[in-house]
Amino acid sequence: MSDIALQPAHALAEAIRRNDISSRELLEHYLARVERLNAPLNAVVTLDADAARASADAADAALARGDVIGALHGVPMTIKDTYQTAGMRTTCGLEEWDHVPQHDAEAVRRLRDAGAVIFGKTNTPTLAGDWQTYNPIFGTTNNPWDTARTTGGSSGGSAAALAAGLTALELGSDIAGSIRVPCNWCGTCGHKPSWGVVPQRGHLPPAPGALADTDLNVMGAMARDVDDLELALGILAGPGGHRATGWQLELPAARAKALSELRLAAWLDDPAYPVSDDVRSVLESAAAALRQAGARILDVRPPITLPDAVALHMELVYPLMEPSSKLLHRAWLAANERREQLRAAMADFFGDVDALLMPVAVVPAIPHDHSEPLARREIPTDGGSRPYLDMFGWVGLATVAYLPATVVPVGRTPAGLPVGIQIVGPYLEDRTTLAVARRIEELLGGFVPPPGA
């Protein structure tokens, strides 16, 4: 049992179906690990063990009758505390929103319908609004590779719980790197879907009860391997609510699966958002390994500068994140037109390129810094301090252009901190970025548990 908690969710589901382990036994194992390992991390902040035990027992009883509920039958998992979860405390790190919902968010419901046993919630910054994970209700989440450092945010509790083997699978969300940055800094895998692929209903923010989708925001899985990301995408993707009456979603197959068939572009550094030497070295080594393994890495870049992508991202995201930020409707229309021009340019770019390899952040996991205001913080790098808002630099393009992006670990710095690579692909071609991520994972080894996990 010592290693089973670190197995991918699809392997755990298979073990349950084979009766190698029961859902209840696996749940108890995860609960015991949370009790033993969570305190220094503060990743899992809410538990509902009794309800989870009842769900696990029901899953075991169904299997005994020969009934398999779905692809995640009996697999225990946690959920980021930005999702309304029926019968379980939900806060989004904000005291005013601290409540116990009667209904699941749509994405949570789909995971339950696939057989998942949801036993807890993981920490997030207040209103999911930071690249560090802390809030006045639950406090600070620490990185399992170095507890003096942040996990990233806003899905920081999710990434820490996965890395430490406290959960089998996680449901995160991303509006400015909130899946990608924590996966990068904690050494796990994550997928930011194309915008609109997974229903948002029941995600906080916006406030509880809101029905409209939020621009830029996406719901996506976080895991310890790429197969789990693809499994979860198949469960989560598809129209919700009244849209399901007449719409269907069929994501295209990956453009190619073999490295020799994939056309990759690598944009691994930029003078506007310079990547620290330790991170760049890991990324360049990964690119070199891909070339040696037969991948075609083309010397091309998208027809946009990072500062232009960041400026557009910030113009559209700030009114969603900051109550004091305002954007006149005519200004939004102009910004949206620039966005559509960018999306068209990226579609042309991906006519000749299957996926774009990029960093996630300019540095590995940073020390905790909760000073206010957030915008005045600085990031220590080997080239001197950089503005905290440089965190927008490498995550903005995929966000503002609605593109899928998959993060997979590719190595560690000399200080032992994880480094991931971001694989950005064409709109709605999520399976292509996942295919590239799977080849990278196979080549470079993928997830490695942190010390003590």
Protein backbone atom coordinates (compact mmCIF):
# COMPACT_ATOMS: atom_id res chain seq x y z
CA MET A 1 0.00 0.00 0.00
CA SER A 2 2.95 2.37 0.50
CA ASP A 3 3.23 3.28 -3.18
CA ILE A 4 -0.31 2.84 -4.48
CA ALA A 5 -1.37 6.39 -3.53
CA LEU A 6 1.16 7.73 -6.04
CA GLN A 7 -0.20 5.65 -8.92
CA PRO A 8 -2.18 7.43 -11.65
CA ALA A 9 -5.95 7.46 -11.37
CA HIS A 10 -6.48 5.23 -14.42
CA ALA A 11 -4.29 2.54 -12.84
CA LEU A 12 -6.21 2.83 -9.59
CA ALA A 13 -9.52 2.50 -11.44
CA GLU A 14 -8.22 -0.65 -13.13
CA ALA A 15 -7.06 -2.07 -9.78
CA ILE A 16 -10.52 -1.49 -8.31
CA ARG A 17 -12.23 -3.12 -11.29
CA ARG A 18 -9.92 -6.14 -10.96
CA ASN A 19 -10.74 -6.36 -7.23
CA ASP A 20 -7.06 -5.92 -6.39
CA ILE A 21 -8.18 -3.25 -3.93
CA SER A 22 -11.57 -1.91 -2.92
CA SER A 23 -12.62 1.70 -3.21
CA ARG A 24 -13.06 1.82 0.57
CA GLU A 25 -9.55 0.48 1.19
CA LEU A 26 -8.06 3.01 -1.20
CA LEU A 27 -10.05 5.84 0.36
CA GLU A 28 -8.87 4.90 3.84
CA HIS A 29 -5.30 4.84 2.55
CA TYR A 30 -5.63 8.38 1.18
CA LEU A 31 -7.30 9.61 4.37
CA ALA A 32 -4.45 8.14 6.40
CA ARG A 33 -1.89 9.85 4.17
CA VAL A 34 -3.70 13.17 4.57
CA GLU A 35 -3.61 12.75 8.34
CA ARG A 36 0.09 11.88 8.28
CA LEU A 37 1.49 14.15 5.56
CA ASN A 38 -0.84 17.12 5.08
CA ALA A 39 0.03 19.24 8.13
CA PRO A 40 3.32 20.75 6.84
CA LEU A 41 1.78 21.30 3.40
CA ASN A 42 -1.75 22.48 4.24
CA ALA A 43 -2.90 21.32 0.81
CA VAL A 44 -6.16 19.53 1.77
CA VAL A 45 -8.23 21.98 3.81
CA THR A 46 -11.66 20.31 4.03
CA LEU A 47 -12.59 16.66 4.48
CA ASP A 48 -15.93 14.86 4.42
CA ALA A 49 -14.78 11.36 5.28
CA ASP A 50 -18.22 10.02 6.25
CA ALA A 51 -19.87 10.95 2.94
CA ALA A 52 -16.84 9.67 1.04
CA ARG A 53 -16.96 6.34 2.89
CA ALA A 54 -20.60 5.96 1.97
CA SER A 55 -19.77 6.67 -1.70
CA ALA A 56 -16.85 4.23 -1.66
CA ASP A 57 -19.01 1.52 -0.09
CA ALA A 58 -21.66 2.13 -2.75
CA ALA A 59 -19.02 1.84 -5.47
CA ASP A 60 -17.82 -1.46 -4.03
CA ALA A 61 -21.36 -2.77 -3.75
CA ALA A 62 -22.08 -1.82 -7.37
CA LEU A 63 -18.94 -3.60 -8.55
CA ALA A 64 -19.95 -6.71 -6.60
CA ARG A 65 -23.19 -6.69 -8.61
CA GLY A 66 -21.21 -6.40 -11.84
CA ASP A 67 -21.99 -2.72 -12.38
CA VAL A 68 -19.21 -0.30 -13.37
CA ILE A 69 -20.33 3.29 -12.93
CA GLY A 70 -17.72 4.89 -15.17
CA ALA A 71 -14.04 5.36 -15.95
CA LEU A 72 -13.28 6.59 -12.41
CA HIS A 73 -15.35 3.95 -10.60
CA GLY A 74 -14.43 4.15 -6.93
CA VAL A 75 -11.35 6.38 -7.36
CA PRO A 76 -10.93 8.81 -4.42
CA MET A 77 -10.09 12.40 -5.34
CA THR A 78 -10.15 15.95 -4.06
CA ILE A 79 -11.48 19.13 -5.68
CA LYS A 80 -10.08 22.67 -5.72
CA ASP A 81 -12.03 24.85 -3.28
CA THR A 82 -13.32 27.03 -6.09
CA TYR A 83 -15.97 24.47 -7.07
CA GLN A 84 -19.34 24.14 -5.43
CA THR A 85 -19.48 20.61 -4.06
CA ALA A 86 -22.78 19.29 -2.77
CA GLY A 87 -22.79 18.73 0.99
CA MET A 88 -19.18 19.88 1.38
CA ARG A 89 -17.86 23.21 2.62
CA THR A 90 -16.97 25.53 -0.26
CA THR A 91 -15.27 28.90 0.26
CA CYS A 92 -12.97 30.06 -2.57
CA GLY A 93 -10.89 31.42 0.31
CA LEU A 94 -13.42 34.19 1.01
CA GLU A 95 -15.32 34.30 4.30
CA GLU A 96 -18.41 35.85 2.67
CA TRP A 97 -18.72 32.84 0.34
CA ASP A 98 -18.18 30.18 3.01
CA HIS A 99 -21.14 27.85 2.56
CA VAL A 100 -22.26 24.25 1.98
CA PRO A 101 -23.85 24.01 -1.47
CA GLN A 102 -26.84 21.83 -2.23
CA HIS A 103 -25.67 21.08 -5.75
CA ASP A 104 -22.41 20.21 -7.46
CA ALA A 105 -20.72 22.39 -10.03
CA GLU A 106 -21.25 20.86 -13.46
CA ALA A 107 -17.64 19.64 -13.71
CA VAL A 108 -17.86 18.06 -10.26
CA ARG A 109 -21.12 16.34 -11.20
CA ARG A 110 -19.49 14.84 -14.28
CA LEU A 111 -16.64 13.42 -12.21
CA ARG A 112 -19.12 11.88 -9.77
CA ASP A 113 -21.13 10.45 -12.66
CA ALA A 114 -17.91 8.82 -13.86
CA GLY A 115 -17.60 7.10 -10.46
CA ALA A 116 -15.19 9.40 -8.60
CA VAL A 117 -15.37 9.39 -4.79
CA ILE A 118 -14.84 13.00 -3.69
CA PHE A 119 -13.47 13.17 -0.16
CA GLY A 120 -12.10 16.70 0.28
CA LYS A 121 -11.23 20.15 -0.99
CA THR A 122 -7.83 21.69 -1.67
CA ASN A 123 -6.63 25.19 -0.87
CA THR A 124 -6.76 28.23 -3.15
CA PRO A 125 -5.94 31.92 -2.77
CA THR A 126 -8.80 34.26 -1.99
CA LEU A 127 -11.01 34.51 -5.07
CA ALA A 128 -8.42 32.37 -6.90
CA GLY A 129 -6.55 35.60 -7.48
CA ASP A 130 -2.81 34.97 -6.97
CA TRP A 131 0.14 32.86 -8.11
CA GLN A 132 0.58 31.87 -4.46
CA THR A 133 -1.92 29.89 -2.39
CA TYR A 134 -3.03 31.41 0.91
CA ASN A 135 -6.21 32.91 2.35
CA PRO A 136 -7.56 34.12 5.72
CA ILE A 137 -9.70 31.03 6.24
CA PHE A 138 -7.20 28.22 5.75
CA GLY A 139 -3.80 29.91 5.70
CA THR A 140 -0.83 29.10 3.48
CA THR A 141 -0.13 26.03 1.35
CA ASN A 142 3.53 25.00 1.13
CA ASN A 143 5.45 23.40 -1.71
CA PRO A 144 6.21 19.70 -1.03
CA TRP A 145 9.67 20.12 -2.61
CA ASP A 146 10.56 22.99 -0.24
CA THR A 147 8.03 24.17 2.33
CA ALA A 148 9.66 27.61 2.44
CA ARG A 149 8.40 28.10 -1.12
CA THR A 150 4.97 28.54 -2.64
CA THR A 151 3.11 25.90 -4.60
CA GLY A 152 1.95 28.47 -7.12
CA GLY A 153 -1.64 29.45 -7.58
CA SER A 154 -4.43 29.46 -7.80
CA SER A 155 -4.66 25.65 -7.95
CA GLY A 156 -1.79 25.37 -5.48
CA GLY A 157 -3.49 23.06 -3.02
CA SER A 158 -4.40 20.79 -5.92
CA ALA A 159 -0.82 20.49 -7.21
CA ALA A 160 0.66 19.99 -3.72
CA ALA A 161 -1.88 17.27 -2.89
CA LEU A 162 -1.10 15.43 -6.11
CA ALA A 163 2.65 15.68 -5.70
CA ALA A 164 2.49 14.38 -2.12
CA GLY A 165 0.16 11.50 -2.96
CA LEU A 166 -2.79 12.85 -0.98
CA THR A 167 -5.26 12.40 -3.84
CA ALA A 168 -5.58 10.40 -7.04
CA LEU A 169 -6.75 13.21 -9.31
CA GLU A 170 -7.63 16.89 -9.09
CA LEU A 171 -9.92 19.40 -10.71
CA GLY A 172 -8.31 22.81 -11.17
CA SER A 173 -9.12 26.00 -13.04
CA ASP A 174 -7.02 28.50 -14.99
CA ILE A 175 -7.50 32.13 -15.99
CA ALA A 176 -3.87 33.30 -15.78
CA GLY A 177 -1.83 30.16 -15.33
CA SER A 178 -3.71 28.80 -12.33
CA ILE A 179 -3.34 25.17 -13.47
CA ARG A 180 -0.03 25.57 -15.28
CA VAL A 181 2.02 27.45 -12.68
CA PRO A 182 1.27 25.09 -9.73
CA CYS A 183 1.93 22.03 -11.90
CA ASN A 184 5.19 23.60 -13.05
CA TRP A 185 6.32 24.45 -9.51
CA CYS A 186 5.19 21.18 -7.87
CA GLY A 187 6.27 18.75 -10.60
CA THR A 188 2.84 17.49 -11.68
CA CYS A 189 0.88 17.41 -14.95
CA GLY A 190 -1.96 19.72 -15.90
CA HIS A 191 -4.13 20.57 -18.87
CA LYS A 192 -5.68 23.96 -19.59
CA PRO A 193 -8.41 23.10 -22.12
CA SER A 194 -9.47 25.25 -25.00
CA TRP A 195 -11.84 27.90 -23.67
CA GLY A 196 -15.47 26.79 -23.62
CA VAL A 197 -14.79 23.04 -23.79
CA VAL A 198 -15.67 22.33 -20.14
CA PRO A 199 -18.75 23.99 -18.54
CA GLN A 200 -18.02 26.59 -15.88
CA ARG A 201 -21.33 26.52 -14.00
CA GLY A 202 -20.74 26.27 -10.25
CA HIS A 203 -17.16 27.57 -10.29
CA LEU A 204 -16.25 30.44 -7.95
CA PRO A 205 -15.66 33.20 -8.92
CA PRO A 206 -18.10 34.52 -10.05
CA ALA A 207 -20.28 34.60 -6.96
CA PRO A 208 -22.38 31.58 -5.96
CA GLY A 209 -25.48 31.35 -8.13
CA ALA A 210 -23.98 33.02 -11.21
CA LEU A 211 -24.94 31.43 -14.52
CA ALA A 212 -22.84 33.18 -17.16
CA ASP A 213 -19.45 31.82 -18.21
CA THR A 214 -16.41 33.95 -17.40
CA ASP A 215 -14.22 35.08 -20.27
CA LEU A 216 -10.74 33.47 -20.33
CA ASN A 217 -11.42 31.04 -17.46
CA VAL A 218 -11.24 27.29 -18.05
CA MET A 219 -11.84 24.16 -15.98
CA GLY A 220 -9.26 21.42 -16.27
CA ALA A 221 -7.72 18.35 -14.69
CA MET A 222 -4.43 18.03 -12.82
CA ALA A 223 -2.76 14.66 -12.40
CA ARG A 224 0.44 12.68 -12.08
CA ASP A 225 0.46 11.50 -15.69
CA VAL A 226 -0.82 12.53 -19.10
CA ASP A 227 -3.12 9.54 -19.55
CA ASP A 228 -5.10 10.80 -16.55
CA LEU A 229 -5.38 14.24 -18.14
CA GLU A 230 -6.83 12.74 -21.31
CA LEU A 231 -9.15 10.47 -19.34
CA ALA A 232 -10.45 13.44 -17.35
CA LEU A 233 -10.87 15.59 -20.47
CA GLY A 234 -13.12 12.92 -21.95
CA ILE A 235 -15.25 13.04 -18.80
CA LEU A 236 -15.36 16.81 -18.40
CA ALA A 237 -15.66 18.09 -21.97
CA GLY A 238 -18.96 18.77 -23.66
CA PRO A 239 -21.76 21.34 -23.61
CA GLY A 240 -23.73 21.80 -20.41
CA GLY A 241 -27.17 23.05 -19.49
CA HIS A 242 -29.46 24.18 -22.31
CA ARG A 243 -26.58 24.07 -24.82
CA ALA A 244 -26.59 20.27 -24.60
CA THR A 245 -30.05 20.24 -26.21
CA GLY A 246 -28.60 20.88 -29.63
CA TRP A 247 -24.81 21.04 -29.41
CA GLN A 248 -22.28 18.27 -29.35
CA LEU A 249 -18.51 18.37 -28.96
CA GLU A 250 -16.15 16.07 -30.83
CA LEU A 251 -12.54 17.09 -30.29
CA PRO A 252 -10.33 16.03 -33.19
CA ALA A 253 -7.76 13.29 -32.78
CA ALA A 254 -4.14 14.25 -32.24
CA ARG A 255 -2.46 15.40 -35.45
CA ALA A 256 0.30 12.85 -34.85
CA LYS A 257 1.56 10.65 -32.05
CA ALA A 258 5.09 9.64 -33.04
CA LEU A 259 7.80 12.19 -32.33
CA SER A 260 9.10 11.90 -35.87
CA GLU A 261 5.70 12.97 -37.21
CA LEU A 262 5.27 16.02 -34.97
CA ARG A 263 6.25 19.54 -36.06
CA LEU A 264 7.21 21.46 -32.94
CA ALA A 265 8.30 25.04 -32.41
CA ALA A 266 10.32 26.03 -29.34
CA TRP A 267 10.09 29.52 -27.81
CA LEU A 268 12.09 28.97 -24.65
CA ASP A 269 13.32 32.47 -23.79
CA ASP A 270 12.55 36.06 -24.61
CA PRO A 271 14.25 39.36 -23.71
CA ALA A 272 10.93 40.80 -22.52
CA TYR A 273 10.42 37.98 -20.00
CA PRO A 274 13.88 36.42 -19.55
CA VAL A 275 13.91 32.93 -18.11
CA SER A 276 16.36 32.22 -15.29
CA ASP A 277 19.44 30.21 -16.19
CA ASP A 278 18.44 27.18 -14.12
CA VAL A 279 15.01 26.91 -15.76
CA ARG A 280 16.26 27.63 -19.27
CA SER A 281 18.93 24.93 -18.94
CA VAL A 282 16.30 22.30 -18.09
CA LEU A 283 14.07 23.39 -20.98
CA GLU A 284 16.92 23.43 -23.50
CA SER A 285 17.97 19.94 -22.37
CA ALA A 286 14.40 18.75 -22.91
CA ALA A 287 14.33 20.25 -26.42
CA ALA A 288 17.69 18.64 -27.22
CA ALA A 289 16.38 15.25 -26.05
CA LEU A 290 13.35 15.65 -28.29
CA ARG A 291 15.55 16.41 -31.29
CA GLN A 292 17.74 13.42 -30.57
CA ALA A 293 14.65 11.23 -30.32
CA GLY A 294 13.55 12.32 -33.79
CA ALA A 295 11.24 15.28 -33.22
CA ARG A 296 11.28 18.07 -35.81
CA ILE A 297 11.78 21.34 -33.93
CA LEU A 298 11.25 24.21 -36.35
CA ASP A 299 12.95 27.59 -36.07
CA VAL A 300 9.72 29.62 -36.15
CA ARG A 301 7.77 31.75 -33.69
CA PRO A 302 4.19 33.02 -33.60
CA PRO A 303 3.54 36.41 -35.21
CA ILE A 304 3.14 38.23 -31.89
CA THR A 305 5.33 39.63 -29.15
CA LEU A 306 4.93 38.49 -25.56
CA PRO A 307 4.37 42.08 -24.33
CA ASP A 308 1.47 42.46 -26.78
CA ALA A 309 -0.10 39.18 -25.62
CA VAL A 310 0.37 40.15 -21.97
CA ALA A 311 -1.11 43.62 -22.49
CA LEU A 312 -4.20 42.16 -24.12
CA HIS A 313 -4.51 39.47 -21.45
CA MET A 314 -4.27 42.03 -18.65
CA GLU A 315 -6.78 44.34 -20.32
CA LEU A 316 -9.34 41.54 -20.48
CA VAL A 317 -8.61 39.80 -17.17
CA TYR A 318 -8.28 42.73 -14.78
CA PRO A 319 -11.99 43.68 -14.86
CA LEU A 320 -12.75 40.05 -13.97
CA MET A 321 -10.30 39.91 -11.05
CA GLU A 322 -10.24 43.41 -9.59
CA PRO A 323 -13.52 45.05 -8.50
CA SER A 324 -11.95 48.50 -8.97
CA SER A 325 -11.03 47.79 -12.61
CA LYS A 326 -13.53 48.95 -15.18
CA LEU A 327 -13.71 48.38 -18.91
CA LEU A 328 -16.24 50.25 -21.04
CA HIS A 329 -18.17 47.99 -23.39
CA ARG A 330 -16.78 49.75 -26.45
CA ALA A 331 -13.28 49.22 -25.09
CA TRP A 332 -14.02 45.53 -24.54
CA LEU A 333 -15.28 45.25 -28.11
CA ALA A 334 -12.04 46.76 -29.38
CA ALA A 335 -9.99 44.43 -27.19
CA ASN A 336 -12.04 41.46 -28.34
CA GLU A 337 -11.39 42.37 -31.97
CA ARG A 338 -7.65 42.42 -31.26
CA ARG A 339 -8.09 39.04 -29.61
CA GLU A 340 -9.84 37.65 -32.71
CA GLN A 341 -7.06 39.00 -34.91
CA LEU A 342 -4.57 37.21 -32.64
CA ARG A 343 -6.57 34.00 -32.76
CA ALA A 344 -6.61 34.12 -36.56
CA ALA A 345 -2.85 34.68 -36.63
CA MET A 346 -2.30 31.73 -34.30
CA ALA A 347 -4.55 29.53 -36.44
CA ASP A 348 -2.34 30.38 -39.43
CA PHE A 349 0.78 29.65 -37.38
CA PHE A 350 -0.54 26.23 -36.43
CA GLY A 351 -1.09 25.44 -40.09
CA ASP A 352 2.62 24.66 -40.29
CA VAL A 353 3.29 23.79 -36.63
CA ASP A 354 1.56 21.16 -34.51
CA ALA A 355 2.49 22.53 -31.09
CA LEU A 356 4.54 25.28 -29.48
CA LEU A 357 6.90 24.56 -26.58
CA MET A 358 7.16 27.37 -24.02
CA PRO A 359 8.22 27.95 -20.41
CA VAL A 360 5.54 28.32 -17.77
CA ALA A 361 7.29 30.86 -15.55
CA VAL A 362 10.50 32.86 -15.52
CA VAL A 363 11.73 31.11 -12.35
CA PRO A 364 11.20 27.90 -10.36
CA ALA A 365 9.04 28.00 -7.22
CA ILE A 366 9.59 31.23 -5.30
CA PRO A 367 9.77 31.82 -1.54
CA HIS A 368 6.49 32.84 0.10
CA ASP A 369 5.77 36.55 -0.27
CA HIS A 370 2.40 37.83 0.96
CA SER A 371 3.24 41.52 0.89
CA GLU A 372 0.61 43.89 -0.41
CA PRO A 373 -0.16 45.22 -2.90
CA LEU A 374 0.49 42.19 -5.02
CA ALA A 375 1.64 44.24 -8.02
CA ARG A 376 4.59 45.66 -6.06
CA ARG A 377 6.08 42.29 -5.19
CA GLU A 378 9.29 41.21 -6.89
CA ILE A 379 10.61 37.84 -8.05
CA PRO A 380 14.24 37.04 -7.22
CA THR A 381 16.19 35.73 -10.25
CA ASP A 382 19.84 35.12 -11.08
CA GLY A 383 19.71 38.27 -13.21
CA GLY A 384 18.26 40.46 -10.46
CA SER A 385 14.72 41.08 -9.26
CA ARG A 386 11.87 40.97 -11.73
CA PRO A 387 8.34 42.39 -11.29
CA TYR A 388 5.85 39.91 -9.85
CA LEU A 389 3.56 40.61 -12.79
CA ASP A 390 6.15 39.01 -15.07
CA MET A 391 4.25 35.86 -14.14
CA PHE A 392 1.82 36.90 -16.89
CA GLY A 393 4.61 36.66 -19.45
CA TRP A 394 4.50 33.02 -20.51
CA VAL A 395 0.90 32.06 -19.66
CA GLY A 396 -0.92 34.91 -21.38
CA LEU A 397 -0.78 33.81 -25.02
CA ALA A 398 -2.65 30.53 -24.53
CA THR A 399 -5.18 32.19 -22.23
CA VAL A 400 -6.09 35.18 -24.33
CA ALA A 401 -6.22 33.17 -27.58
CA TYR A 402 -8.40 30.43 -26.00
CA LEU A 403 -5.76 27.79 -26.82
CA PRO A 404 -5.17 24.44 -25.10
CA ALA A 405 -1.96 24.12 -23.08
CA THR A 406 -0.56 21.05 -21.34
CA VAL A 407 2.19 21.12 -18.72
CA VAL A 408 4.41 18.12 -18.01
CA PRO A 409 7.53 17.94 -15.79
CA VAL A 410 10.84 17.74 -17.68
CA GLY A 411 13.47 17.96 -14.94
CA ARG A 412 14.74 19.80 -11.89
CA THR A 413 17.06 22.70 -11.25
CA PRO A 414 20.44 22.23 -9.51
CA ALA A 415 18.60 23.21 -6.30
CA GLY A 416 16.21 20.29 -6.83
CA LEU A 417 13.12 22.30 -7.79
CA PRO A 418 10.79 20.96 -10.51
CA VAL A 419 10.57 22.50 -13.97
CA GLY A 420 7.73 21.84 -16.40
CA ILE A 421 7.32 22.64 -20.05
CA GLN A 422 4.19 24.21 -21.53
CA ILE A 423 2.84 22.71 -24.76
CA VAL A 424 0.46 25.10 -26.55
CA GLY A 425 -1.63 23.91 -29.47
CA PRO A 426 -4.33 24.92 -31.94
CA TYR A 427 -7.80 25.84 -30.70
CA LEU A 428 -9.88 22.74 -29.90
CA GLU A 429 -6.95 20.44 -30.71
CA ASP A 430 -6.43 19.55 -27.06
CA ARG A 431 -5.59 15.97 -27.96
CA THR A 432 -2.55 17.16 -29.91
CA THR A 433 -0.99 18.95 -26.93
CA LEU A 434 -1.75 15.89 -24.80
CA ALA A 435 -0.09 13.62 -27.38
CA VAL A 436 3.05 15.78 -27.38
CA ALA A 437 3.02 15.80 -23.57
CA ARG A 438 2.76 12.01 -23.51
CA ARG A 439 5.80 11.62 -25.78
CA ILE A 440 7.78 14.05 -23.59
CA GLU A 441 6.68 12.17 -20.48
CA GLU A 442 7.81 8.86 -21.97
CA LEU A 443 11.13 10.32 -23.06
CA LEU A 444 12.05 12.20 -19.89
CA GLY A 445 10.35 10.19 -17.18
CA GLY A 446 7.45 12.41 -16.14
CA PHE A 447 6.32 12.76 -12.53
CA VAL A 448 8.77 12.12 -9.69
CA PRO A 449 7.51 12.21 -6.07
CA PRO A 450 9.06 14.84 -3.80
CA PRO A 451 11.16 13.67 -0.84
CA GLY A 452 9.01 12.16 1.89
CA ALA A 453 5.99 11.44 -0.30
